[in-house]
Amino acid sequence: MRVRGLLLMLCFFTSVPWAATPPSKLPGPETGFAFDSLYGIAAWLRYYGRDGYIGADVADAIGIERPQGELLAARQRGFRTDDVLRIAQISADGDSDFILFMVQRPDDRVYFYLSTPLGGLQKAFVSIPSRNLVVPLERGEAELRFRAEVLYWKDRSETR
């Protein structure tokens, strides 16, 4: 009887923090998958990335803070496969902790995925330049597309 009581107390105390956390704060399904991959991609970009910048309009749209009136310095790599251009960027100065994936497809759509090296997907949206339109992606679609980008960049980072 005493053992059963201890087991019940243990179950209660280990479940309380999760029960007290609102559902929006729970990690998404990609968090465990992405942790090692994102950290490795960020390290690879720090070492093999080239100096570049994130445009002010992109930084502002996705919510990356930057000094007023200045471009955001980044370490970045980009690759074109057929008609698809992919770019991955991290902060060059380390002041911000993010990874930004950009995928430009020939169908006049540019996808953006904001993440952190120690977390998962934070924001995702698609830009349609010909219509001057920026739309957030639905969470399920965003997670699937984000997972594909992480796999792409993980493969790239492991071959160099």
Protein backbone atom coordinates (compact mmCIF):
# COMPACT_ATOMS: atom_id res chain seq x y z
CA MET A 1 0.00 0.00 0.00
CA ARG A 2 2.82 2.38 0.87
CA VAL A 3 4.58 1.65 -2.47
CA ARG A 4 1.39 2.32 -4.39
CA GLY A 5 0.97 5.65 -2.59
CA LEU A 6 4.55 6.63 -3.41
CA LEU A 7 4.03 5.72 -7.06
CA LEU A 8 0.87 7.83 -7.22
CA MET A 9 2.68 10.80 -5.64
CA LEU A 10 5.59 10.38 -8.06
CA CYS A 11 3.22 10.32 -11.05
CA PHE A 12 1.41 13.40 -9.75
CA PHE A 13 4.55 15.48 -9.14
CA THR A 14 6.17 14.57 -12.44
CA SER A 15 3.02 15.45 -14.38
CA VAL A 16 2.22 18.75 -12.67
CA PRO A 17 4.66 20.97 -14.63
CA TRP A 18 3.30 19.71 -17.95
CA ALA A 19 -0.28 20.07 -16.77
CA ALA A 20 0.39 23.65 -15.68
CA THR A 21 1.91 24.58 -19.06
CA PRO A 22 -0.58 25.93 -21.57
CA PRO A 23 -0.78 23.88 -24.78
CA SER A 24 0.78 26.69 -26.83
CA LYS A 25 3.96 26.38 -24.77
CA LEU A 26 4.42 22.67 -25.30
CA PRO A 27 7.18 21.77 -27.73
CA GLY A 28 6.03 20.99 -31.26
CA PRO A 29 6.58 17.57 -32.81
CA GLU A 30 9.68 18.79 -34.65
CA THR A 31 11.53 19.93 -31.50
CA GLY A 32 13.13 16.61 -30.59
CA PHE A 33 13.88 15.84 -34.21
CA ALA A 34 15.35 19.26 -34.94
CA PHE A 35 17.46 19.84 -31.81
CA ASP A 36 20.68 18.10 -32.89
CA SER A 37 20.19 18.93 -36.55
CA LEU A 38 19.57 22.65 -36.01
CA TYR A 39 22.48 23.04 -33.63
CA GLY A 40 24.75 21.25 -36.12
CA ILE A 41 23.50 23.37 -39.02
CA ALA A 42 24.13 26.57 -37.02
CA ALA A 43 27.67 25.43 -36.16
CA TRP A 44 28.31 24.56 -39.81
CA LEU A 45 27.04 27.99 -40.93
CA ARG A 46 29.30 29.72 -38.40
CA TYR A 47 32.31 27.89 -39.81
CA TYR A 48 31.51 27.51 -43.53
CA GLY A 49 29.03 30.34 -44.01
CA ARG A 50 29.89 33.40 -46.00
CA ASP A 51 29.34 36.99 -44.95
CA GLY A 52 26.05 38.44 -46.08
CA TYR A 53 23.00 40.33 -44.94
CA ILE A 54 19.33 39.79 -44.24
CA GLY A 55 17.22 42.45 -45.89
CA ALA A 56 15.49 44.90 -43.59
CA ASP A 57 12.08 44.02 -45.04
CA VAL A 58 12.62 40.29 -44.36
CA ALA A 59 13.99 40.87 -40.84
CA ASP A 60 11.08 43.15 -40.00
CA ALA A 61 8.47 40.81 -41.50
CA ILE A 62 9.70 37.78 -39.59
CA GLY A 63 10.35 39.68 -36.36
CA ILE A 64 14.15 39.58 -36.11
CA GLU A 65 15.34 42.64 -34.23
CA ARG A 66 17.93 44.82 -35.91
CA PRO A 67 19.41 48.28 -35.39
CA GLN A 68 17.18 50.98 -36.87
CA GLY A 69 18.01 51.71 -40.48
CA GLU A 70 20.63 48.95 -40.73
CA LEU A 71 20.84 45.65 -42.54
CA LEU A 72 21.30 42.58 -40.37
CA ALA A 73 24.72 40.97 -40.85
CA ALA A 74 24.48 37.21 -41.36
CA ARG A 75 26.56 34.11 -42.02
CA GLN A 76 24.89 32.31 -44.88
CA ARG A 77 25.05 29.61 -47.52
CA GLY A 78 22.90 29.12 -50.56
CA PHE A 79 22.45 26.36 -53.11
CA ARG A 80 20.43 26.06 -56.29
CA THR A 81 19.02 22.70 -57.35
CA ASP A 82 17.17 22.81 -60.66
CA ASP A 83 14.88 25.84 -60.27
CA VAL A 84 14.83 25.90 -56.45
CA LEU A 85 17.10 28.28 -54.52
CA ARG A 86 17.71 27.55 -50.83
CA ILE A 87 19.47 29.88 -48.39
CA ALA A 88 20.19 29.34 -44.69
CA GLN A 89 21.28 32.26 -42.49
CA ILE A 90 22.32 32.88 -38.89
CA SER A 91 23.30 36.07 -37.09
CA ALA A 92 26.88 37.04 -37.91
CA ASP A 93 27.51 38.78 -34.60
CA GLY A 94 25.83 36.27 -32.32
CA ASP A 95 23.58 38.95 -30.81
CA SER A 96 20.52 37.15 -32.16
CA ASP A 97 19.98 33.42 -31.86
CA PHE A 98 18.15 32.32 -34.99
CA ILE A 99 18.34 30.23 -38.12
CA LEU A 100 16.41 31.51 -41.11
CA PHE A 101 15.70 29.16 -44.00
CA MET A 102 14.51 30.62 -47.30
CA VAL A 103 13.27 28.57 -50.25
CA GLN A 104 12.51 30.26 -53.57
CA ARG A 105 10.50 28.13 -55.97
CA PRO A 106 9.79 28.81 -59.65
CA ASP A 107 6.05 29.16 -58.95
CA ASP A 108 6.57 32.74 -57.70
CA ARG A 109 6.61 31.67 -54.05
CA VAL A 110 9.30 32.26 -51.45
CA TYR A 111 9.02 30.31 -48.20
CA PHE A 112 10.59 31.49 -44.94
CA TYR A 113 11.11 29.42 -41.78
CA LEU A 114 12.44 30.99 -38.59
CA SER A 115 13.97 28.73 -35.97
CA THR A 116 16.56 28.75 -33.22
CA PRO A 117 19.53 26.38 -32.95
CA LEU A 118 18.17 24.97 -29.69
CA GLY A 119 14.49 24.90 -30.58
CA GLY A 120 12.15 24.18 -33.37
CA LEU A 121 10.08 26.13 -35.81
CA GLN A 122 9.10 29.56 -34.53
CA LYS A 123 7.44 31.20 -37.55
CA ALA A 124 6.75 30.32 -41.17
CA PHE A 125 5.27 32.29 -44.02
CA VAL A 126 5.15 32.41 -47.78
CA SER A 127 5.76 35.50 -49.87
CA ILE A 128 4.21 35.87 -53.31
CA PRO A 129 6.13 38.81 -54.83
CA SER A 130 3.99 39.19 -57.96
CA ARG A 131 0.93 39.77 -55.79
CA ASN A 132 2.80 41.76 -53.10
CA LEU A 133 1.44 39.26 -50.58
CA VAL A 134 2.88 37.68 -47.41
CA VAL A 135 0.83 34.94 -45.75
CA PRO A 136 1.56 32.86 -42.63
CA LEU A 137 1.65 29.13 -43.28
CA GLU A 138 -0.80 26.82 -41.54
CA ARG A 139 1.03 25.02 -38.70
CA GLY A 140 0.79 21.50 -40.17
CA GLU A 141 2.03 22.53 -43.61
CA ALA A 142 4.75 24.69 -42.03
CA GLU A 143 6.05 21.83 -39.89
CA LEU A 144 6.23 19.44 -42.85
CA ARG A 145 8.04 21.95 -45.05
CA PHE A 146 10.34 22.98 -42.18
CA ARG A 147 11.26 19.35 -41.49
CA ALA A 148 12.18 18.92 -45.17
CA GLU A 149 14.45 21.99 -45.00
CA VAL A 150 16.16 20.76 -41.84
CA LEU A 151 16.85 17.43 -43.56
CA TYR A 152 18.18 19.22 -46.66
CA TRP A 153 20.56 21.41 -44.63
CA LYS A 154 21.55 18.56 -42.34
CA ASP A 155 22.64 16.57 -45.41
CA ARG A 156 24.52 19.61 -46.76
CA SER A 157 26.30 20.24 -43.46
CA GLU A 158 27.39 16.62 -43.13
CA THR A 159 28.97 16.52 -46.60
CA ARG A 160 31.38 19.40 -45.94
